[in-house]
Amino acid sequence: MDTVHVTDVEIKENTIWSTNRLYLRLLETFPKYVEDFQAKWNDWQQAISAQDPSTWSSVPSFTALTALGPKIIPLVVYQLALNENDDTAVHLYTTLETDPSYLPDDPEEVGSSRALQILNLSFDRNRAVRNALADWTERCERVSVHSTSTMYTECAEYDTLLGFGPSIVPHVMLQYAHDVKVDRAVVAQGAHGIGCGVLFWYELLHELVFGRKTGMMTVVFPDVYKWWETWFQERPGVEGAPGGGDEVAA
């Protein structure tokens, strides 16, 4: 078998393509989420001097951005895909990212090398998360005749997703939105839906954000999704997330 050699240029192109693709999916599915970030990003850029790092964290617009939490990380990475020399985007990324595995080797280093590291690390994470989401979805479909959440959340596939931490919330929301859309289409055709198993994304989101399961016994799935969608698009940080679930329980 012939060995396929991939050049550094091809790796970089694939990485940027993956970053752009994720951004466009988020823009299409959650436009308010992207628009809110972009407005806050623009405010921050106008308030600071890109050449003076001492200004980057000291303005209210930076606080407004970081209050959104790790859920905006893919949008920050997209800024690096647009301009790998943007040290302000690197600064915001390293402020938000809590997993050392996805931080550049030297956070204090100046130049495009940190941005390229972040882009490559993000590419690796996107691919790993995509595979992990597919694995958990497959398991949920296998056990979808069950109605108890433990059948879906007490398994290795679920634990793998938890291990990625809150930075994968955007990936989870995309899959959640897709499954809700498919379920609605199936119900509209007179069927019984696609099975409650694939709609247990809310449990994963809750544990990623709060570090614990909801404890909900009865769920109105469309209502739960609406609460999470509203938080993701319009509310900052942990404080705005659906907390105990009382507001969406049947």
Protein backbone atom coordinates (compact mmCIF):
# COMPACT_ATOMS: atom_id res chain seq x y z
CA MET A 1 0.00 0.00 0.00
CA ASP A 2 1.34 3.41 -0.96
CA THR A 3 1.95 5.88 1.85
CA VAL A 4 -0.03 9.09 1.58
CA HIS A 5 1.97 12.13 2.65
CA VAL A 6 0.01 15.15 3.80
CA THR A 7 1.81 18.47 3.66
CA ASP A 8 1.71 21.13 6.35
CA VAL A 9 -0.20 23.34 3.93
CA GLU A 10 -2.87 20.66 3.45
CA ILE A 11 -3.16 20.15 7.20
CA LYS A 12 -3.62 23.88 7.70
CA GLU A 13 -6.22 24.04 4.93
CA ASN A 14 -8.17 21.13 6.44
CA THR A 15 -8.02 22.73 9.86
CA ILE A 16 -9.34 26.06 8.63
CA TRP A 17 -12.01 24.33 6.55
CA SER A 18 -13.21 22.43 9.63
CA THR A 19 -13.26 25.63 11.70
CA ASN A 20 -15.23 27.49 9.04
CA ARG A 21 -17.68 24.62 8.61
CA LEU A 22 -18.49 24.52 12.32
CA TYR A 23 -18.91 28.30 12.35
CA LEU A 24 -21.32 28.23 9.39
CA ARG A 25 -23.40 25.46 10.96
CA LEU A 26 -23.68 27.50 14.16
CA LEU A 27 -24.57 30.63 12.20
CA GLU A 28 -27.29 28.81 10.28
CA THR A 29 -28.79 27.05 13.30
CA PHE A 30 -28.27 29.67 16.03
CA PRO A 31 -27.94 33.10 14.37
CA LYS A 32 -28.64 35.05 17.57
CA TYR A 33 -25.80 33.24 19.32
CA VAL A 34 -23.33 34.26 16.62
CA GLU A 35 -24.68 37.80 16.33
CA ASP A 36 -24.49 38.37 20.09
CA PHE A 37 -20.88 37.21 20.17
CA GLN A 38 -19.95 39.31 17.16
CA ALA A 39 -21.47 42.45 18.68
CA LYS A 40 -19.58 41.93 21.94
CA TRP A 41 -16.39 41.09 20.05
CA ASN A 42 -16.66 44.30 18.02
CA ASP A 43 -17.26 46.33 21.19
CA TRP A 44 -14.15 44.81 22.73
CA GLN A 45 -11.99 45.43 19.68
CA GLN A 46 -13.04 49.08 19.62
CA ALA A 47 -12.27 49.52 23.32
CA ILE A 48 -8.71 48.17 23.29
CA SER A 49 -5.40 48.67 21.59
CA ALA A 50 -4.32 45.50 19.80
CA GLN A 51 -0.70 46.54 20.35
CA ASP A 52 -1.11 47.02 24.11
CA PRO A 53 -1.96 43.76 25.93
CA SER A 54 -2.44 45.65 29.19
CA THR A 55 -5.74 46.99 27.80
CA TRP A 56 -7.21 43.66 26.75
CA SER A 57 -8.63 42.44 30.07
CA SER A 58 -9.29 45.78 31.74
CA VAL A 59 -12.36 46.94 29.83
CA PRO A 60 -16.04 46.13 30.52
CA SER A 61 -16.48 44.69 27.04
CA PHE A 62 -13.97 41.95 27.87
CA THR A 63 -15.98 41.06 30.96
CA ALA A 64 -19.11 40.91 28.80
CA LEU A 65 -17.39 38.49 26.43
CA THR A 66 -15.95 36.18 29.07
CA ALA A 67 -19.32 36.11 30.85
CA LEU A 68 -20.62 34.11 27.89
CA GLY A 69 -18.33 31.30 28.99
CA PRO A 70 -16.77 28.40 27.06
CA LYS A 71 -19.78 28.12 24.75
CA ILE A 72 -18.25 30.83 22.53
CA ILE A 73 -14.91 29.05 22.04
CA PRO A 74 -15.67 27.88 18.45
CA LEU A 75 -16.43 31.49 17.53
CA VAL A 76 -13.13 32.65 19.02
CA VAL A 77 -11.29 29.95 17.08
CA TYR A 78 -13.04 31.20 13.95
CA GLN A 79 -11.48 34.61 14.55
CA LEU A 80 -8.09 32.90 14.44
CA ALA A 81 -9.01 31.19 11.18
CA LEU A 82 -9.69 34.66 9.78
CA ASN A 83 -6.44 36.08 11.13
CA GLU A 84 -3.85 33.80 12.71
CA ASN A 85 -1.88 36.86 13.85
CA ASP A 86 -4.71 38.08 16.08
CA ASP A 87 -3.19 37.89 19.55
CA THR A 88 -6.36 39.31 21.09
CA ALA A 89 -8.27 36.21 19.96
CA VAL A 90 -5.53 34.02 21.45
CA HIS A 91 -5.85 35.94 24.72
CA LEU A 92 -9.62 35.46 24.81
CA TYR A 93 -9.31 31.78 23.95
CA THR A 94 -6.76 31.07 26.69
CA THR A 95 -8.96 32.92 29.17
CA LEU A 96 -11.99 30.78 28.33
CA GLU A 97 -10.42 27.36 27.79
CA THR A 98 -10.15 25.34 31.01
CA ASP A 99 -8.72 22.10 29.61
CA PRO A 100 -4.88 22.17 29.54
CA SER A 101 -4.97 19.62 26.71
CA TYR A 102 -6.36 22.30 24.41
CA LEU A 103 -4.12 25.18 25.41
CA PRO A 104 -1.02 26.22 23.44
CA ASP A 105 2.33 25.09 24.84
CA ASP A 106 3.43 28.59 25.83
CA PRO A 107 0.49 30.92 26.57
CA GLU A 108 2.88 33.87 26.86
CA GLU A 109 4.50 33.39 23.47
CA VAL A 110 3.76 36.09 20.90
CA GLY A 111 3.07 35.43 17.23
CA SER A 112 1.09 33.16 14.95
CA SER A 113 2.49 29.89 16.34
CA ARG A 114 0.05 29.96 19.27
CA ALA A 115 -2.86 30.58 16.91
CA LEU A 116 -1.82 27.66 14.71
CA GLN A 117 -1.56 25.43 17.78
CA ILE A 118 -5.06 26.44 18.85
CA LEU A 119 -6.45 25.84 15.36
CA ASN A 120 -4.86 22.38 15.25
CA LEU A 121 -6.03 21.50 18.76
CA SER A 122 -9.53 22.68 17.90
CA PHE A 123 -9.51 20.55 14.75
CA ASP A 124 -8.51 17.49 16.79
CA ARG A 125 -11.23 18.19 19.34
CA ASN A 126 -13.90 18.75 16.68
CA ARG A 127 -13.09 15.40 15.12
CA ALA A 128 -12.99 13.57 18.46
CA VAL A 129 -16.26 15.14 19.61
CA ARG A 130 -17.96 14.32 16.33
CA ASN A 131 -17.03 10.65 16.76
CA ALA A 132 -18.07 10.64 20.42
CA LEU A 133 -21.44 12.21 19.60
CA ALA A 134 -22.03 9.56 16.96
CA ASP A 135 -21.16 6.79 19.42
CA TRP A 136 -23.57 8.08 22.07
CA THR A 137 -26.33 8.65 19.51
CA GLU A 138 -25.93 5.08 18.32
CA ARG A 139 -26.23 3.78 21.87
CA CYS A 140 -29.30 5.93 22.54
CA GLU A 141 -30.97 4.55 19.43
CA ARG A 142 -30.24 0.98 20.55
CA VAL A 143 -31.96 1.46 23.92
CA SER A 144 -34.61 3.97 22.80
CA VAL A 145 -37.51 1.75 23.91
CA HIS A 146 -36.65 2.73 27.49
CA SER A 147 -37.90 5.92 29.11
CA THR A 148 -35.55 6.21 32.08
CA SER A 149 -32.61 8.56 31.60
CA THR A 150 -30.15 6.21 33.31
CA MET A 151 -30.26 3.93 30.27
CA TYR A 152 -28.76 6.77 28.25
CA THR A 153 -26.51 8.55 30.73
CA GLU A 154 -24.84 5.73 32.67
CA CYS A 155 -22.56 4.43 29.96
CA ALA A 156 -19.03 4.83 28.63
CA GLU A 157 -20.19 6.81 25.59
CA TYR A 158 -21.82 9.44 27.78
CA ASP A 159 -18.80 9.63 30.08
CA THR A 160 -16.53 10.19 27.09
CA LEU A 161 -18.54 13.26 26.12
CA LEU A 162 -18.49 14.57 29.68
CA GLY A 163 -14.73 14.30 29.65
CA PHE A 164 -14.48 17.00 27.00
CA GLY A 165 -15.96 19.58 29.38
CA PRO A 166 -18.17 22.63 28.69
CA SER A 167 -16.26 23.69 25.58
CA ILE A 168 -18.29 21.16 23.54
CA VAL A 169 -21.67 22.71 24.41
CA PRO A 170 -21.96 24.20 20.87
CA HIS A 171 -21.37 20.76 19.31
CA VAL A 172 -24.03 19.25 21.57
CA MET A 173 -26.51 22.02 20.79
CA LEU A 174 -26.08 21.43 17.06
CA GLN A 175 -26.86 17.74 17.43
CA TYR A 176 -29.72 18.50 19.82
CA ALA A 177 -31.27 20.95 17.33
CA HIS A 178 -30.88 18.43 14.51
CA ASP A 179 -32.62 15.65 16.45
CA VAL A 180 -35.47 17.92 17.55
CA LYS A 181 -36.00 18.97 13.92
CA VAL A 182 -36.04 15.36 12.74
CA ASP A 183 -38.40 14.35 15.55
CA ARG A 184 -40.85 17.10 14.65
CA ALA A 185 -40.80 16.05 11.01
CA VAL A 186 -41.47 12.41 11.93
CA VAL A 187 -44.35 13.37 14.23
CA ALA A 188 -45.80 15.59 11.50
CA GLN A 189 -46.00 12.50 9.29
CA GLY A 190 -48.19 10.79 11.89
CA ALA A 191 -45.50 8.61 13.48
CA HIS A 192 -44.52 8.51 17.15
CA GLY A 193 -41.25 10.39 16.84
CA ILE A 194 -37.68 9.12 16.68
CA GLY A 195 -37.53 7.76 20.23
CA CYS A 196 -36.92 9.65 23.44
CA GLY A 197 -33.35 8.36 23.70
CA VAL A 198 -31.92 10.69 21.11
CA LEU A 199 -33.54 13.66 22.85
CA PHE A 200 -31.68 13.21 26.15
CA TRP A 201 -29.18 15.84 25.08
CA TYR A 202 -30.52 18.09 27.84
CA GLU A 203 -29.07 15.78 30.50
CA LEU A 204 -25.65 15.99 28.88
CA LEU A 205 -25.88 19.77 28.61
CA HIS A 206 -26.94 20.11 32.24
CA GLU A 207 -24.05 17.98 33.46
CA LEU A 208 -21.54 19.78 31.23
CA VAL A 209 -22.68 23.16 32.56
CA PHE A 210 -23.46 22.37 36.21
CA GLY A 211 -21.50 19.17 36.87
CA ARG A 212 -24.60 17.20 37.84
CA LYS A 213 -27.68 15.63 36.30
CA THR A 214 -31.06 17.35 36.40
CA GLY A 215 -32.85 14.82 38.58
CA MET A 216 -35.98 15.37 36.49
CA MET A 217 -38.44 12.47 36.49
CA THR A 218 -40.93 13.75 33.91
CA VAL A 219 -39.92 15.74 30.86
CA VAL A 220 -41.73 17.67 28.15
CA PHE A 221 -39.04 17.34 25.50
CA PRO A 222 -40.00 20.32 23.29
CA ASP A 223 -40.12 22.63 26.32
CA VAL A 224 -36.74 21.47 27.57
CA TYR A 225 -35.15 22.08 24.19
CA LYS A 226 -36.65 25.57 24.00
CA TRP A 227 -35.14 26.49 27.37
CA TRP A 228 -31.70 25.32 26.32
CA GLU A 229 -31.92 27.01 22.94
CA THR A 230 -32.92 30.30 24.56
CA TRP A 231 -30.02 30.09 27.00
CA PHE A 232 -27.52 29.19 24.30
CA GLN A 233 -28.53 32.06 22.04
CA GLU A 234 -29.46 34.82 24.44
CA ARG A 235 -28.19 34.31 28.00
CA PRO A 236 -24.69 34.51 29.47
CA GLY A 237 -22.77 31.87 31.36
CA VAL A 238 -23.92 29.36 33.91
CA GLU A 239 -26.23 31.82 35.63
CA GLY A 240 -28.61 31.95 32.68
CA ALA A 241 -28.76 28.20 32.04
CA PRO A 242 -31.80 26.07 32.91
CA GLY A 243 -30.82 25.05 36.42
CA GLY A 244 -33.09 22.71 38.27
CA GLY A 245 -35.52 21.88 35.50
CA ASP A 246 -38.66 22.74 37.48
CA GLU A 247 -39.71 25.23 34.84
CA VAL A 248 -39.81 22.55 32.15
CA ALA A 249 -41.02 19.52 34.02
CA ALA A 250 -44.49 18.24 33.25
